Structure formats: structure tokens, C-alpha cells
Amino acid sequence: MLEIKKIKKIYQMGKVKVEALRGVSFYIDKGEFVAIMGPSGSGKSTLMHIIGCLDQPTGGSFIIGGKDVSKLNDDRLAEIRNKRIGFVFQQFNLLSRTSILHNVEIPLIYAGLKTKKRRELAKQALESVGLGDRVKHKPNEISGGEKQRAAIARALVNDPLIILADEPTGNLDTKTGEEIMKIFYKLHQQGNTVIMVTHEAEVARHARRIIHLRDGLIEKDEVKT
């Protein structure tokens, strides 16, 4: 379903070239729950940006759903981001002046769905994460954990190939973070493909597979038995 082949990413910092990724390769099958871990500077954020079609590699190829997206233009990458990838960020990235329901339906607006259909799907997504009674609330009227639940609902609403989470518990207390991780595990059990970037071992342990990065290379790829 997702294939990373010898991905390299080089940044030009003035006269200095920085190799963020140095030939990373791995597969992710449909329905896997994978955590990508590594210390600061390991390349995990760069890898997340490439998987999320937010950046392009300097070399190698990235295949998602059978399509090589590594050399597509910005418009095509934006289309793939909207249709195939559901994002969950540490900062929630919710619009503060509008309702939770409208926040969740935003990807469907870009997809061109009519109002009645997209509101129906947005309500279903919110109900799936336990926020069926919060549809009219604004982000400043709900807790941090509920904001992240809303962000997960937004990621789910387009029925993406991949749910990509970047430090999803980073702004939450331990108890709330555990509740959010249970939602991701439930999504995995329902057949969703979840890729999570984190630097916390306690968060990564919820995944079935952990890819460890160090200095732009895979140090270890471990699968739980």
C-alpha cells in the first residue's frame, strides 16, 4: 500500500548540504499501525512531510496506493493530500471561530461534496470519536482531548488511505493522551492504516510496529509479536 524506496532528502543551508534522509526504504501494508521514532535530527519529521505529500524527496521514490507521487507537481500533491491522507497534528489546527462540525467538514468542502452530504459525514465522524454532542461547540468551548478527537474526526471524514499523526499527544496530559491512543488503536482494529510520528516511547508502544530512525537512516524496524 505504501512503499518508500531509497528516499533521500538534502537541504541546502547556505554553502552546506544537510542530508536529512540518506536512503530510507520500507513498506507499510494496509491496516498496519506504525510508529516512527527517533531523536531530534534523526529525520523523522522530514520523513513525515514526504509521506504526507507536504514535501518531495531529493532522490528515491514514494509509492502510495500504487502511484509514485515523488515527482508530482504541487497541485497533484494537494489533491492526494486531500483525498488519500488524513492528518492529525500536535497543535490540533482547528479554526477557532467556527463550529467543530464545520471544522470536520472542511476536507469535504475541498472535495466538492454538497452541504447535506458533507454535514452527514462530518456528524458520523464526530460520533465515531465520542463527540456527537459537541457538533455546535467551538474549539475554545471544549477540552484539549476533545479538540484532538475533533482533529481525528476531521482526518477520518474523507475515508483516507492513511491516517498520519504527528506527535498527537504532545499537548495533552498523560491520562488524556492514553485516551487518544486508545482511539488510534481502535481505528487500527477497524482496518485503518495509522502512521504516527513520535519521540515518546510510551506513545510508540501502542503501535504494532516501530521504525527507529537515527542520522537519516533506519536503525531498527521492530514488529510486535
C-alpha atoms as a PDB file:
ATOM      1  CA  MET A   1       0.000   0.000   0.000  1.00  0.00           C
ATOM      2  CA  LEU A   2       2.820   2.402   0.844  1.00  0.00           C
ATOM      3  CA  GLU A   3       6.380   1.943  -0.338  1.00  0.00           C
ATOM      4  CA  ILE A   4       9.396   4.094   0.422  1.00  0.00           C
ATOM      5  CA  LYS A   5      12.341   3.262  -1.896  1.00  0.00           C
ATOM      6  CA  LYS A   6      15.798   4.644  -1.141  1.00  0.00           C
ATOM      7  CA  ILE A   7      14.400   8.054  -0.163  1.00  0.00           C
ATOM      8  CA  LYS A   8      16.924  10.822   0.221  1.00  0.00           C
ATOM      9  CA  LYS A   9      16.367  14.413   1.283  1.00  0.00           C
ATOM     10  CA  ILE A  10      19.122  17.009   1.115  1.00  0.00           C
ATOM     11  CA  TYR A  11      18.683  20.581   2.330  1.00  0.00           C
ATOM     12  CA  GLN A  12      20.986  23.355   1.170  1.00  0.00           C
ATOM     13  CA  MET A  13      21.840  25.534   4.194  1.00  0.00           C
ATOM     14  CA  GLY A  14      23.910  28.311   2.644  1.00  0.00           C
ATOM     15  CA  LYS A  15      27.047  26.573   1.398  1.00  0.00           C
ATOM     16  CA  VAL A  16      26.409  23.474   3.492  1.00  0.00           C
ATOM     17  CA  LYS A  17      24.397  20.445   2.368  1.00  0.00           C
ATOM     18  CA  VAL A  18      22.458  18.672   5.117  1.00  0.00           C
ATOM     19  CA  GLU A  19      21.383  15.073   4.488  1.00  0.00           C
ATOM     20  CA  ALA A  20      18.153  14.682   6.449  1.00  0.00           C
ATOM     21  CA  LEU A  21      17.402  11.271   4.903  1.00  0.00           C
ATOM     22  CA  ARG A  22      20.124   9.054   3.449  1.00  0.00           C
ATOM     23  CA  GLY A  23      18.429   6.271   1.504  1.00  0.00           C
ATOM     24  CA  VAL A  24      15.491   5.087   3.629  1.00  0.00           C
ATOM     25  CA  SER A  25      13.445   2.099   2.407  1.00  0.00           C
ATOM     26  CA  PHE A  26      10.435   0.266   3.885  1.00  0.00           C
ATOM     27  CA  TYR A  27       6.906  -0.988   3.135  1.00  0.00           C
ATOM     28  CA  ILE A  28       3.708  -0.389   5.064  1.00  0.00           C
ATOM     29  CA  ASP A  29       0.778  -2.733   4.410  1.00  0.00           C
ATOM     30  CA  LYS A  30      -2.890  -1.802   4.571  1.00  0.00           C
ATOM     31  CA  GLY A  31      -4.205  -1.820   8.138  1.00  0.00           C
ATOM     32  CA  GLU A  32      -0.836  -1.522   9.876  1.00  0.00           C
ATOM     33  CA  PHE A  33      -0.299   0.699  12.928  1.00  0.00           C
ATOM     34  CA  VAL A  34       3.252   2.052  12.659  1.00  0.00           C
ATOM     35  CA  ALA A  35       5.155   4.454  14.889  1.00  0.00           C
ATOM     36  CA  ILE A  36       8.175   6.316  13.516  1.00  0.00           C
ATOM     37  CA  MET A  37      10.577   7.229  16.311  1.00  0.00           C
ATOM     38  CA  GLY A  38      13.896   8.978  16.604  1.00  0.00           C
ATOM     39  CA  PRO A  39      15.763  11.710  18.456  1.00  0.00           C
ATOM     40  CA  SER A  40      15.832  15.309  17.286  1.00  0.00           C
ATOM     41  CA  GLY A  41      17.648  15.498  13.947  1.00  0.00           C
ATOM     42  CA  SER A  42      17.018  11.839  13.088  1.00  0.00           C
ATOM     43  CA  GLY A  43      14.945  12.689  10.010  1.00  0.00           C
ATOM     44  CA  LYS A  44      11.522  11.610  11.325  1.00  0.00           C
ATOM     45  CA  SER A  45       9.844  14.986  10.667  1.00  0.00           C
ATOM     46  CA  THR A  46      11.297  15.109   7.157  1.00  0.00           C
ATOM     47  CA  LEU A  47      10.031  11.587   6.512  1.00  0.00           C
ATOM     48  CA  MET A  48       6.582  12.553   7.803  1.00  0.00           C
ATOM     49  CA  HIS A  49       6.466  15.522   5.422  1.00  0.00           C
ATOM     50  CA  ILE A  50       7.299  13.246   2.483  1.00  0.00           C
ATOM     51  CA  ILE A  51       4.737  10.588   3.487  1.00  0.00           C
ATOM     52  CA  GLY A  52       2.162  13.360   3.913  1.00  0.00           C
ATOM     53  CA  CYS A  53       2.962  14.782   0.446  1.00  0.00           C
ATOM     54  CA  LEU A  54       3.977  18.057   2.095  1.00  0.00           C
ATOM     55  CA  ASP A  55       7.487  17.828   0.645  1.00  0.00           C
ATOM     56  CA  GLN A  56       9.264  15.986  -2.147  1.00  0.00           C
ATOM     57  CA  PRO A  57      12.360  13.817  -1.790  1.00  0.00           C
ATOM     58  CA  THR A  58      15.677  14.713  -3.382  1.00  0.00           C
ATOM     59  CA  GLY A  59      16.056  11.123  -4.572  1.00  0.00           C
ATOM     60  CA  GLY A  60      14.289   7.781  -4.485  1.00  0.00           C
ATOM     61  CA  SER A  61      10.567   7.100  -4.909  1.00  0.00           C
ATOM     62  CA  PHE A  62       7.460   7.141  -2.772  1.00  0.00           C
ATOM     63  CA  ILE A  63       4.534   4.971  -3.865  1.00  0.00           C
ATOM     64  CA  ILE A  64       1.110   5.313  -2.247  1.00  0.00           C
ATOM     65  CA  GLY A  65      -1.857   3.259  -3.385  1.00  0.00           C
ATOM     66  CA  GLY A  66       0.123   2.087  -6.408  1.00  0.00           C
ATOM     67  CA  LYS A  67       1.029   5.615  -7.582  1.00  0.00           C
ATOM     68  CA  ASP A  68       4.534   7.104  -7.476  1.00  0.00           C
ATOM     69  CA  VAL A  69       3.973  10.559  -6.014  1.00  0.00           C
ATOM     70  CA  SER A  70       7.608  11.539  -5.527  1.00  0.00           C
ATOM     71  CA  LYS A  71       7.794  13.693  -8.648  1.00  0.00           C
ATOM     72  CA  LEU A  72       4.266  15.123  -8.878  1.00  0.00           C
ATOM     73  CA  ASN A  73       3.640  18.869  -9.040  1.00  0.00           C
ATOM     74  CA  ASP A  74       2.144  20.872  -6.165  1.00  0.00           C
ATOM     75  CA  ASP A  75      -1.440  20.701  -7.463  1.00  0.00           C
ATOM     76  CA  ARG A  76      -1.394  16.910  -7.763  1.00  0.00           C
ATOM     77  CA  LEU A  77       0.235  16.578  -4.340  1.00  0.00           C
ATOM     78  CA  ALA A  78      -2.502  18.769  -2.849  1.00  0.00           C
ATOM     79  CA  GLU A  79      -5.137  16.528  -4.426  1.00  0.00           C
ATOM     80  CA  ILE A  80      -3.546  13.406  -2.939  1.00  0.00           C
ATOM     81  CA  ARG A  81      -3.244  15.071   0.483  1.00  0.00           C
ATOM     82  CA  ASN A  82      -6.946  15.871   0.489  1.00  0.00           C
ATOM     83  CA  LYS A  83      -8.229  12.540  -0.830  1.00  0.00           C
ATOM     84  CA  ARG A  84      -5.788   9.951   0.496  1.00  0.00           C
ATOM     85  CA  ILE A  85      -4.259  11.269   3.728  1.00  0.00           C
ATOM     86  CA  GLY A  86      -5.930  12.283   6.982  1.00  0.00           C
ATOM     87  CA  PHE A  87      -3.714  14.490   9.153  1.00  0.00           C
ATOM     88  CA  VAL A  88      -3.695  14.757  12.959  1.00  0.00           C
ATOM     89  CA  PHE A  89      -1.318  17.392  14.355  1.00  0.00           C
ATOM     90  CA  GLN A  90       0.034  18.137  17.823  1.00  0.00           C
ATOM     91  CA  GLN A  91      -1.451  21.659  17.682  1.00  0.00           C
ATOM     92  CA  PHE A  92      -4.933  20.392  16.595  1.00  0.00           C
ATOM     93  CA  ASN A  93      -5.090  23.051  13.798  1.00  0.00           C
ATOM     94  CA  LEU A  94      -8.792  23.793  14.300  1.00  0.00           C
ATOM     95  CA  LEU A  95     -10.397  27.044  13.127  1.00  0.00           C
ATOM     96  CA  SER A  96     -11.276  28.905  16.323  1.00  0.00           C
ATOM     97  CA  ARG A  97     -14.231  30.961  15.100  1.00  0.00           C
ATOM     98  CA  THR A  98     -16.336  28.178  13.651  1.00  0.00           C
ATOM     99  CA  SER A  99     -18.071  25.077  14.994  1.00  0.00           C
ATOM    100  CA  ILE A 100     -16.497  21.661  15.462  1.00  0.00           C
ATOM    101  CA  LEU A 101     -18.885  20.343  12.802  1.00  0.00           C
ATOM    102  CA  HIS A 102     -17.638  22.873  10.247  1.00  0.00           C
ATOM    103  CA  ASN A 103     -14.011  22.121  11.141  1.00  0.00           C
ATOM    104  CA  VAL A 104     -14.591  18.438  10.430  1.00  0.00           C
ATOM    105  CA  GLU A 105     -16.384  19.022   7.129  1.00  0.00           C
ATOM    106  CA  ILE A 106     -13.633  21.240   5.661  1.00  0.00           C
ATOM    107  CA  PRO A 107     -11.892  18.388   3.729  1.00  0.00           C
ATOM    108  CA  LEU A 108     -15.271  17.543   2.181  1.00  0.00           C
ATOM    109  CA  ILE A 109     -15.735  21.148   1.045  1.00  0.00           C
ATOM    110  CA  TYR A 110     -12.446  20.878  -0.859  1.00  0.00           C
ATOM    111  CA  ALA A 111     -13.625  17.529  -2.234  1.00  0.00           C
ATOM    112  CA  GLY A 112     -16.711  19.250  -3.689  1.00  0.00           C
ATOM    113  CA  LEU A 113     -19.428  17.447  -1.693  1.00  0.00           C
ATOM    114  CA  LYS A 114     -22.807  19.115  -1.298  1.00  0.00           C
ATOM    115  CA  THR A 115     -23.739  20.641   2.064  1.00  0.00           C
ATOM    116  CA  LYS A 116     -26.233  17.985   3.207  1.00  0.00           C
ATOM    117  CA  LYS A 117     -23.906  15.059   2.438  1.00  0.00           C
ATOM    118  CA  ARG A 118     -20.796  16.570   3.978  1.00  0.00           C
ATOM    119  CA  ARG A 119     -22.637  17.509   7.206  1.00  0.00           C
ATOM    120  CA  GLU A 120     -23.998  13.991   7.452  1.00  0.00           C
ATOM    121  CA  LEU A 121     -20.495  12.522   7.065  1.00  0.00           C
ATOM    122  CA  ALA A 122     -18.991  15.060   9.498  1.00  0.00           C
ATOM    123  CA  LYS A 123     -21.595  14.164  12.141  1.00  0.00           C
ATOM    124  CA  GLN A 124     -20.857  10.459  11.661  1.00  0.00           C
ATOM    125  CA  ALA A 125     -17.115  11.086  12.077  1.00  0.00           C
ATOM    126  CA  LEU A 126     -17.685  13.096  15.266  1.00  0.00           C
ATOM    127  CA  GLU A 127     -19.953  10.398  16.680  1.00  0.00           C
ATOM    128  CA  SER A 128     -17.263   7.788  15.975  1.00  0.00           C
ATOM    129  CA  VAL A 129     -14.854   9.612  18.336  1.00  0.00           C
ATOM    130  CA  GLY A 130     -17.438  10.331  21.029  1.00  0.00           C
ATOM    131  CA  LEU A 131     -18.239  13.945  20.107  1.00  0.00           C
ATOM    132  CA  GLY A 132     -21.763  13.548  18.790  1.00  0.00           C
ATOM    133  CA  ASP A 133     -22.989  16.035  21.417  1.00  0.00           C
ATOM    134  CA  ARG A 134     -20.351  18.669  20.603  1.00  0.00           C
ATOM    135  CA  VAL A 135     -21.150  19.455  16.958  1.00  0.00           C
ATOM    136  CA  LYS A 136     -22.209  23.058  17.634  1.00  0.00           C
ATOM    137  CA  HIS A 137     -19.384  23.883  20.043  1.00  0.00           C
ATOM    138  CA  LYS A 138     -16.382  25.976  19.012  1.00  0.00           C
ATOM    139  CA  PRO A 139     -12.823  24.821  19.776  1.00  0.00           C
ATOM    140  CA  ASN A 140     -12.471  27.231  22.733  1.00  0.00           C
ATOM    141  CA  GLU A 141     -15.539  25.615  24.326  1.00  0.00           C
ATOM    142  CA  ILE A 142     -14.094  22.094  24.546  1.00  0.00           C
ATOM    143  CA  SER A 143     -11.106  20.447  26.260  1.00  0.00           C
ATOM    144  CA  GLY A 144      -7.735  19.632  24.731  1.00  0.00           C
ATOM    145  CA  GLY A 145      -8.625  15.966  24.490  1.00  0.00           C
ATOM    146  CA  GLU A 146     -11.890  16.823  22.749  1.00  0.00           C
ATOM    147  CA  LYS A 147     -10.009  19.088  20.320  1.00  0.00           C
ATOM    148  CA  GLN A 148      -7.774  16.186  19.375  1.00  0.00           C
ATOM    149  CA  ARG A 149     -10.811  13.929  18.982  1.00  0.00           C
ATOM    150  CA  ALA A 150     -12.274  16.538  16.616  1.00  0.00           C
ATOM    151  CA  ALA A 151      -8.990  16.589  14.701  1.00  0.00           C
ATOM    152  CA  ILE A 152      -9.134  12.786  14.403  1.00  0.00           C
ATOM    153  CA  ALA A 153     -12.725  13.034  13.129  1.00  0.00           C
ATOM    154  CA  ARG A 154     -11.567  15.549  10.514  1.00  0.00           C
ATOM    155  CA  ALA A 155      -8.791  13.158   9.473  1.00  0.00           C
ATOM    156  CA  LEU A 156     -11.307  10.315   9.104  1.00  0.00           C
ATOM    157  CA  VAL A 157     -14.080  12.146   7.297  1.00  0.00           C
ATOM    158  CA  ASN A 158     -12.682  11.642   3.782  1.00  0.00           C
ATOM    159  CA  ASP A 159     -12.099   7.898   4.330  1.00  0.00           C
ATOM    160  CA  PRO A 160      -8.358   8.285   3.614  1.00  0.00           C
ATOM    161  CA  LEU A 161      -5.878   5.549   2.745  1.00  0.00           C
ATOM    162  CA  ILE A 162      -3.610   6.697   5.591  1.00  0.00           C
ATOM    163  CA  ILE A 163      -4.112   8.474   8.907  1.00  0.00           C
ATOM    164  CA  LEU A 164      -0.888  10.379   9.596  1.00  0.00           C
ATOM    165  CA  ALA A 165      -0.428  11.632  13.166  1.00  0.00           C
ATOM    166  CA  ASP A 166       2.388  13.989  14.192  1.00  0.00           C
ATOM    167  CA  GLU A 167       3.050  13.887  17.972  1.00  0.00           C
ATOM    168  CA  PRO A 168      -0.721  13.501  18.569  1.00  0.00           C
ATOM    169  CA  THR A 169      -0.440  13.513  22.377  1.00  0.00           C
ATOM    170  CA  GLY A 170       2.223  16.226  22.653  1.00  0.00           C
ATOM    171  CA  ASN A 171      -0.161  18.875  24.021  1.00  0.00           C
ATOM    172  CA  LEU A 172      -2.135  16.553  26.300  1.00  0.00           C
ATOM    173  CA  ASP A 173      -1.728  15.279  29.843  1.00  0.00           C
ATOM    174  CA  THR A 174      -0.860  11.613  30.348  1.00  0.00           C
ATOM    175  CA  LYS A 175      -4.416  10.396  31.050  1.00  0.00           C
ATOM    176  CA  THR A 176      -5.918  12.236  28.077  1.00  0.00           C
ATOM    177  CA  GLY A 177      -3.044  11.084  25.862  1.00  0.00           C
ATOM    178  CA  GLU A 178      -3.827   7.472  26.776  1.00  0.00           C
ATOM    179  CA  GLU A 179      -7.467   8.008  25.793  1.00  0.00           C
ATOM    180  CA  ILE A 180      -6.401   9.422  22.417  1.00  0.00           C
ATOM    181  CA  MET A 181      -4.075   6.472  21.815  1.00  0.00           C
ATOM    182  CA  LYS A 182      -6.960   4.076  22.514  1.00  0.00           C
ATOM    183  CA  ILE A 183      -8.878   5.792  19.707  1.00  0.00           C
ATOM    184  CA  PHE A 184      -5.968   5.273  17.299  1.00  0.00           C
ATOM    185  CA  TYR A 185      -5.723   1.615  18.335  1.00  0.00           C
ATOM    186  CA  LYS A 186      -9.470   1.195  17.776  1.00  0.00           C
ATOM    187  CA  LEU A 187      -9.117   2.741  14.303  1.00  0.00           C
ATOM    188  CA  HIS A 188      -6.306   0.277  13.574  1.00  0.00           C
ATOM    189  CA  GLN A 189      -8.506  -2.629  14.714  1.00  0.00           C
ATOM    190  CA  GLN A 190     -11.219  -1.393  12.341  1.00  0.00           C
ATOM    191  CA  GLY A 191      -8.789  -1.731   9.431  1.00  0.00           C
ATOM    192  CA  ASN A 192      -7.414   1.794   9.132  1.00  0.00           C
ATOM    193  CA  THR A 193      -3.743   2.361   8.318  1.00  0.00           C
ATOM    194  CA  VAL A 194      -2.205   4.573  11.010  1.00  0.00           C
ATOM    195  CA  ILE A 195       1.284   6.111  10.822  1.00  0.00           C
ATOM    196  CA  MET A 196       2.379   8.065  13.875  1.00  0.00           C
ATOM    197  CA  VAL A 197       5.496  10.171  14.372  1.00  0.00           C
ATOM    198  CA  THR A 198       6.606  10.499  17.983  1.00  0.00           C
ATOM    199  CA  HIS A 199       9.676  10.828  20.169  1.00  0.00           C
ATOM    200  CA  GLU A 200       7.950   9.236  23.184  1.00  0.00           C
ATOM    201  CA  ALA A 201       8.478   5.520  23.772  1.00  0.00           C
ATOM    202  CA  GLU A 202       5.311   5.329  25.915  1.00  0.00           C
ATOM    203  CA  VAL A 203       3.259   6.602  22.971  1.00  0.00           C
ATOM    204  CA  ALA A 204       5.025   4.442  20.385  1.00  0.00           C
ATOM    205  CA  ARG A 205       4.338   1.241  22.365  1.00  0.00           C
ATOM    206  CA  HIS A 206       0.676   1.432  21.305  1.00  0.00           C
ATOM    207  CA  ALA A 207       1.713   0.729  17.703  1.00  0.00           C
ATOM    208  CA  ARG A 208       2.185  -2.794  16.332  1.00  0.00           C
ATOM    209  CA  ARG A 209       5.397  -1.807  14.573  1.00  0.00           C
ATOM    210  CA  ILE A 210       8.081   0.763  15.437  1.00  0.00           C
ATOM    211  CA  ILE A 211      10.564   2.143  12.898  1.00  0.00           C
ATOM    212  CA  HIS A 212      13.540   3.759  14.636  1.00  0.00           C
ATOM    213  CA  LEU A 213      15.428   6.468  12.748  1.00  0.00           C
ATOM    214  CA  ARG A 214      18.869   7.824  13.547  1.00  0.00           C
ATOM    215  CA  ASP A 215      21.009  10.181  11.450  1.00  0.00           C
ATOM    216  CA  GLY A 216      18.733   9.856   8.435  1.00  0.00           C
ATOM    217  CA  LEU A 217      18.792   6.037   8.341  1.00  0.00           C
ATOM    218  CA  ILE A 218      16.658   3.223   9.740  1.00  0.00           C
ATOM    219  CA  GLU A 219      18.377   1.980  12.881  1.00  0.00           C
ATOM    220  CA  LYS A 220      15.781  -0.694  13.689  1.00  0.00           C
ATOM    221  CA  ASP A 221      12.403  -1.881  12.387  1.00  0.00           C
ATOM    222  CA  GLU A 222      10.639  -3.928  15.042  1.00  0.00           C
ATOM    223  CA  VAL A 223       7.285  -5.711  14.848  1.00  0.00           C
ATOM    224  CA  LYS A 224       5.466  -6.803  17.993  1.00  0.00           C
ATOM    225  CA  THR A 225       4.523 -10.471  18.180  1.00  0.00           C
END
